[in-house]
PDB file of N, CA and C in Angstrom:
ATOM      1  N   MET A   1      -6.932   3.079  15.690  1.00  0.00           N
ATOM      2  CA  MET A   1      -7.694   3.727  14.643  1.00  0.00           C
ATOM      3  C   MET A   1      -6.778   4.215  13.520  1.00  0.00           C
ATOM      4  N   GLY A   2      -5.580   4.677  13.889  1.00  0.00           N
ATOM      5  CA  GLY A   2      -4.640   5.161  12.887  1.00  0.00           C
ATOM      6  C   GLY A   2      -4.197   4.068  11.934  1.00  0.00           C
ATOM      7  N   TYR A   3      -4.082   2.831  12.449  1.00  0.00           N
ATOM      8  CA  TYR A   3      -3.681   1.717  11.594  1.00  0.00           C
ATOM      9  C   TYR A   3      -4.719   1.469  10.510  1.00  0.00           C
ATOM     10  N   VAL A   4      -5.978   1.524  10.886  1.00  0.00           N
ATOM     11  CA  VAL A   4      -7.051   1.263   9.926  1.00  0.00           C
ATOM     12  C   VAL A   4      -7.052   2.328   8.836  1.00  0.00           C
ATOM     13  N   LEU A   5      -6.872   3.571   9.219  1.00  0.00           N
ATOM     14  CA  LEU A   5      -6.853   4.643   8.224  1.00  0.00           C
ATOM     15  C   LEU A   5      -5.676   4.500   7.265  1.00  0.00           C
ATOM     16  N   LYS A   6      -4.526   4.084   7.782  1.00  0.00           N
ATOM     17  CA  LYS A   6      -3.365   3.881   6.916  1.00  0.00           C
ATOM     18  C   LYS A   6      -3.607   2.737   5.943  1.00  0.00           C
ATOM     19  N   LEU A   7      -4.231   1.661   6.402  1.00  0.00           N
ATOM     20  CA  LEU A   7      -4.515   0.531   5.514  1.00  0.00           C
ATOM     21  C   LEU A   7      -5.538   0.918   4.447  1.00  0.00           C
ATOM     22  N   ILE A   8      -6.526   1.723   4.821  1.00  0.00           N
ATOM     23  CA  ILE A   8      -7.495   2.190   3.828  1.00  0.00           C
ATOM     24  C   ILE A   8      -6.801   3.082   2.802  1.00  0.00           C
ATOM     25  N   ALA A   9      -5.879   3.922   3.255  1.00  0.00           N
ATOM     26  CA  ALA A   9      -5.133   4.781   2.327  1.00  0.00           C
ATOM     27  C   ALA A   9      -4.307   3.954   1.351  1.00  0.00           C
ATOM     28  N   VAL A  10      -3.731   2.856   1.815  1.00  0.00           N
ATOM     29  CA  VAL A  10      -2.963   1.982   0.934  1.00  0.00           C
ATOM     30  C   VAL A  10      -3.867   1.356  -0.117  1.00  0.00           C
ATOM     31  N   ILE A  11      -5.037   0.915   0.273  1.00  0.00           N
ATOM     32  CA  ILE A  11      -5.967   0.298  -0.677  1.00  0.00           C
ATOM     33  C   ILE A  11      -6.405   1.308  -1.731  1.00  0.00           C
ATOM     34  N   VAL A  12      -6.696   2.534  -1.315  1.00  0.00           N
ATOM     35  CA  VAL A  12      -7.092   3.573  -2.265  1.00  0.00           C
ATOM     36  C   VAL A  12      -5.939   3.899  -3.215  1.00  0.00           C
ATOM     37  N   THR A  13      -4.720   3.958  -2.681  1.00  0.00           N
ATOM     38  CA  THR A  13      -3.549   4.246  -3.512  1.00  0.00           C
ATOM     39  C   THR A  13      -3.326   3.164  -4.551  1.00  0.00           C
ATOM     40  N   ILE A  14      -3.450   1.908  -4.144  1.00  0.00           N
ATOM     41  CA  ILE A  14      -3.278   0.803  -5.093  1.00  0.00           C
ATOM     42  C   ILE A  14      -4.355   0.856  -6.172  1.00  0.00           C
ATOM     43  N   THR A  15      -5.589   1.166  -5.778  1.00  0.00           N
ATOM     44  CA  THR A  15      -6.675   1.254  -6.749  1.00  0.00           C
ATOM     45  C   THR A  15      -6.385   2.333  -7.785  1.00  0.00           C
ATOM     46  N   TYR A  16      -5.911   3.487  -7.339  1.00  0.00           N
ATOM     47  CA  TYR A  16      -5.577   4.566  -8.280  1.00  0.00           C
ATOM     48  C   TYR A  16      -4.380   4.188  -9.152  1.00  0.00           C
ATOM     49  N   ALA A  17      -3.381   3.557  -8.546  1.00  0.00           N
ATOM     50  CA  ALA A  17      -2.180   3.198  -9.297  1.00  0.00           C
ATOM     51  C   ALA A  17      -2.484   2.159 -10.369  1.00  0.00           C
ATOM     52  N   LEU A  18      -3.449   1.307 -10.148  1.00  0.00           N
ATOM     53  CA  LEU A  18      -3.803   0.318 -11.175  1.00  0.00           C
ATOM     54  C   LEU A  18      -4.374   0.988 -12.409  1.00  0.00           C
ATOM     55  N   ARG A  19      -4.979   2.159 -12.257  1.00  0.00           N
ATOM     56  CA  ARG A  19      -5.417   2.914 -13.434  1.00  0.00           C
ATOM     57  C   ARG A  19      -4.211   3.392 -14.228  1.00  0.00           C
ATOM     58  N   LEU A  20      -3.134   3.767 -13.525  1.00  0.00           N
ATOM     59  CA  LEU A  20      -1.921   4.184 -14.226  1.00  0.00           C
ATOM     60  C   LEU A  20      -1.287   3.024 -14.973  1.00  0.00           C
ATOM     61  N   VAL A  21      -1.391   1.811 -14.411  1.00  0.00           N
ATOM     62  CA  VAL A  21      -0.809   0.641 -15.071  1.00  0.00           C
ATOM     63  C   VAL A  21      -1.504   0.385 -16.402  1.00  0.00           C
ATOM     64  N   ASN A  22      -2.773   0.725 -16.503  1.00  0.00           N
ATOM     65  CA  ASN A  22      -3.517   0.521 -17.746  1.00  0.00           C
ATOM     66  C   ASN A  22      -3.345   1.675 -18.734  1.00  0.00           C
ATOM     67  N   ALA A  23      -2.508   2.634 -18.427  1.00  0.00           N
ATOM     68  CA  ALA A  23      -2.319   3.811 -19.288  1.00  0.00           C
ATOM     69  C   ALA A  23      -1.559   3.430 -20.562  1.00  0.00           C
ATOM     70  N   GLN A  24      -1.600   4.334 -21.523  1.00  0.00           N
ATOM     71  CA  GLN A  24      -0.919   4.105 -22.799  1.00  0.00           C
ATOM     72  C   GLN A  24       0.562   4.456 -22.731  1.00  0.00           C
ATOM     73  N   SER A  25       0.917   5.410 -21.883  1.00  0.00           N
ATOM     74  CA  SER A  25       2.302   5.868 -21.791  1.00  0.00           C
ATOM     75  C   SER A  25       3.126   4.917 -20.928  1.00  0.00           C
ATOM     76  N   ASP A  26       4.325   4.590 -21.404  1.00  0.00           N
ATOM     77  CA  ASP A  26       5.208   3.700 -20.644  1.00  0.00           C
ATOM     78  C   ASP A  26       5.606   4.306 -19.307  1.00  0.00           C
ATOM     79  N   LEU A  27       5.815   5.616 -19.290  1.00  0.00           N
ATOM     80  CA  LEU A  27       6.202   6.290 -18.055  1.00  0.00           C
ATOM     81  C   LEU A  27       5.106   6.150 -16.994  1.00  0.00           C
ATOM     82  N   LEU A  28       3.858   6.312 -17.401  1.00  0.00           N
ATOM     83  CA  LEU A  28       2.747   6.163 -16.453  1.00  0.00           C
ATOM     84  C   LEU A  28       2.618   4.723 -15.974  1.00  0.00           C
ATOM     85  N   VAL A  29       2.878   3.779 -16.857  1.00  0.00           N
ATOM     86  CA  VAL A  29       2.808   2.366 -16.469  1.00  0.00           C
ATOM     87  C   VAL A  29       3.865   2.061 -15.415  1.00  0.00           C
ATOM     88  N   PHE A  30       5.102   2.494 -15.647  1.00  0.00           N
ATOM     89  CA  PHE A  30       6.171   2.230 -14.677  1.00  0.00           C
ATOM     90  C   PHE A  30       5.932   2.990 -13.368  1.00  0.00           C
ATOM     91  N   ALA A  31       5.391   4.190 -13.462  1.00  0.00           N
ATOM     92  CA  ALA A  31       5.059   4.945 -12.250  1.00  0.00           C
ATOM     93  C   ALA A  31       3.977   4.209 -11.462  1.00  0.00           C
ATOM     94  N   GLY A  32       2.980   3.690 -12.155  1.00  0.00           N
ATOM     95  CA  GLY A  32       1.913   2.936 -11.488  1.00  0.00           C
ATOM     96  C   GLY A  32       2.445   1.684 -10.817  1.00  0.00           C
ATOM     97  N   LEU A  33       3.339   0.972 -11.504  1.00  0.00           N
ATOM     98  CA  LEU A  33       3.926  -0.230 -10.907  1.00  0.00           C
ATOM     99  C   LEU A  33       4.777   0.113  -9.683  1.00  0.00           C
ATOM    100  N   GLY A  34       5.500   1.223  -9.758  1.00  0.00           N
ATOM    101  CA  GLY A  34       6.297   1.662  -8.611  1.00  0.00           C
ATOM    102  C   GLY A  34       5.421   2.012  -7.424  1.00  0.00           C
ATOM    103  N   ILE A  35       4.324   2.694  -7.688  1.00  0.00           N
ATOM    104  CA  ILE A  35       3.401   3.062  -6.609  1.00  0.00           C
ATOM    105  C   ILE A  35       2.780   1.819  -6.002  1.00  0.00           C
ATOM    106  N   VAL A  36       2.394   0.858  -6.829  1.00  0.00           N
ATOM    107  CA  VAL A  36       1.824  -0.393  -6.309  1.00  0.00           C
ATOM    108  C   VAL A  36       2.852  -1.113  -5.442  1.00  0.00           C
ATOM    109  N   GLY A  37       4.096  -1.186  -5.906  1.00  0.00           N
ATOM    110  CA  GLY A  37       5.140  -1.860  -5.130  1.00  0.00           C
ATOM    111  C   GLY A  37       5.371  -1.200  -3.781  1.00  0.00           C
ATOM    112  N   LEU A  38       5.489   0.124  -3.776  1.00  0.00           N
ATOM    113  CA  LEU A  38       5.683   0.835  -2.512  1.00  0.00           C
ATOM    114  C   LEU A  38       4.476   0.697  -1.595  1.00  0.00           C
ATOM    115  N   SER A  39       3.287   0.689  -2.160  1.00  0.00           N
ATOM    116  CA  SER A  39       2.080   0.556  -1.349  1.00  0.00           C
ATOM    117  C   SER A  39       1.990  -0.822  -0.713  1.00  0.00           C
ATOM    118  N   VAL A  40       2.351  -1.850  -1.461  1.00  0.00           N
ATOM    119  CA  VAL A  40       2.335  -3.205  -0.902  1.00  0.00           C
ATOM    120  C   VAL A  40       3.364  -3.328   0.214  1.00  0.00           C
ATOM    121  N   TYR A  41       4.548  -2.731   0.022  1.00  0.00           N
ATOM    122  CA  TYR A  41       5.568  -2.740   1.065  1.00  0.00           C
ATOM    123  C   TYR A  41       5.058  -2.035   2.323  1.00  0.00           C
ATOM    124  N   PHE A  42       4.455  -0.859   2.137  1.00  0.00           N
ATOM    125  CA  PHE A  42       3.914  -0.108   3.270  1.00  0.00           C
ATOM    126  C   PHE A  42       2.796  -0.888   3.954  1.00  0.00           C
ATOM    127  N   PHE A  43       1.961  -1.579   3.160  1.00  0.00           N
ATOM    128  CA  PHE A  43       0.865  -2.383   3.709  1.00  0.00           C
ATOM    129  C   PHE A  43       1.399  -3.466   4.637  1.00  0.00           C
ATOM    130  N   PHE A  44       2.412  -4.208   4.193  1.00  0.00           N
ATOM    131  CA  PHE A  44       2.962  -5.269   5.033  1.00  0.00           C
ATOM    132  C   PHE A  44       3.722  -4.706   6.225  1.00  0.00           C
ATOM    133  N   PHE A  45       4.344  -3.542   6.060  1.00  0.00           N
ATOM    134  CA  PHE A  45       5.013  -2.879   7.181  1.00  0.00           C
ATOM    135  C   PHE A  45       3.996  -2.517   8.264  1.00  0.00           C
ATOM    136  N   GLU A  46       2.851  -1.977   7.856  1.00  0.00           N
ATOM    137  CA  GLU A  46       1.796  -1.619   8.818  1.00  0.00           C
ATOM    138  C   GLU A  46       1.184  -2.862   9.458  1.00  0.00           C
ATOM    139  N   LEU A  47       0.990  -3.915   8.675  1.00  0.00           N
ATOM    140  CA  LEU A  47       0.456  -5.158   9.250  1.00  0.00           C
ATOM    141  C   LEU A  47       1.406  -5.725  10.293  1.00  0.00           C
ATOM    142  N   ASN A  48       2.689  -5.648  10.040  1.00  0.00           N
ATOM    143  CA  ASN A  48       3.676  -6.118  11.002  1.00  0.00           C
ATOM    144  C   ASN A  48       3.586  -5.314  12.294  1.00  0.00           C
ATOM    145  N   LYS A  49       3.420  -3.994  12.176  1.00  0.00           N
ATOM    146  CA  LYS A  49       3.274  -3.162  13.368  1.00  0.00           C
ATOM    147  C   LYS A  49       2.004  -3.518  14.141  1.00  0.00           C
ATOM    148  N   ILE A  50       0.930  -3.808  13.436  1.00  0.00           N
ATOM    149  CA  ILE A  50      -0.325  -4.182  14.104  1.00  0.00           C
ATOM    150  C   ILE A  50      -0.145  -5.496  14.844  1.00  0.00           C
ATOM    151  N   PHE A  51       0.463  -6.491  14.186  1.00  0.00           N
ATOM    152  CA  PHE A  51       0.656  -7.792  14.836  1.00  0.00           C
ATOM    153  C   PHE A  51       1.585  -7.689  16.039  1.00  0.00           C
ATOM    154  N   ASN A  52       2.629  -6.866  15.930  1.00  0.00           N
ATOM    155  CA  ASN A  52       3.512  -6.669  17.073  1.00  0.00           C
ATOM    156  C   ASN A  52       2.792  -5.971  18.220  1.00  0.00           C
ATOM    157  N   HIS A  53       1.877  -5.088  17.879  1.00  0.00           N
ATOM    158  CA  HIS A  53       1.105  -4.388  18.907  1.00  0.00           C
ATOM    159  C   HIS A  53       0.132  -5.337  19.610  1.00  0.00           C
ATOM    160  N   LEU A  54      -0.396  -6.307  18.871  1.00  0.00           N
ATOM    161  CA  LEU A  54      -1.370  -7.238  19.438  1.00  0.00           C
ATOM    162  C   LEU A  54      -0.750  -8.384  20.200  1.00  0.00           C
ATOM    163  N   LYS A  55       0.548  -8.622  20.007  1.00  0.00           N
ATOM    164  CA  LYS A  55       1.214  -9.713  20.712  1.00  0.00           C
ATOM    165  C   LYS A  55       1.187  -9.447  22.208  1.00  0.00           C
ATOM    166  N   PRO A  56       0.976 -10.502  22.992  1.00  0.00           N
ATOM    167  CA  PRO A  56       1.042 -10.306  24.448  1.00  0.00           C
ATOM    168  C   PRO A  56       2.478 -10.020  24.878  1.00  0.00           C
ATOM    169  N   LYS A  57       2.620  -9.035  25.734  1.00  0.00           N
ATOM    170  CA  LYS A  57       3.963  -8.669  26.214  1.00  0.00           C
ATOM    171  C   LYS A  57       4.315  -9.538  27.407  1.00  0.00           C
ATOM    172  N   GLN A  58       5.571  -9.979  27.447  1.00  0.00           N
ATOM    173  CA  GLN A  58       5.995 -10.840  28.549  1.00  0.00           C
ATOM    174  C   GLN A  58       6.934 -10.113  29.457  1.00  0.00           C
TER     175      GLN A  58
END
């Protein structure tokens, strides 16, 4: 259940950060891009943990 909540949090964060990317200020644009990049990294990190958890243990 915790994995699902973390993935939903990443999606919400990316959605909010995309509003910053459309901002007029350069600082807000770069901040939005940084947040999107970190969120995508965290998303794939969590997906990797989920796949490792689902793998059959030998």
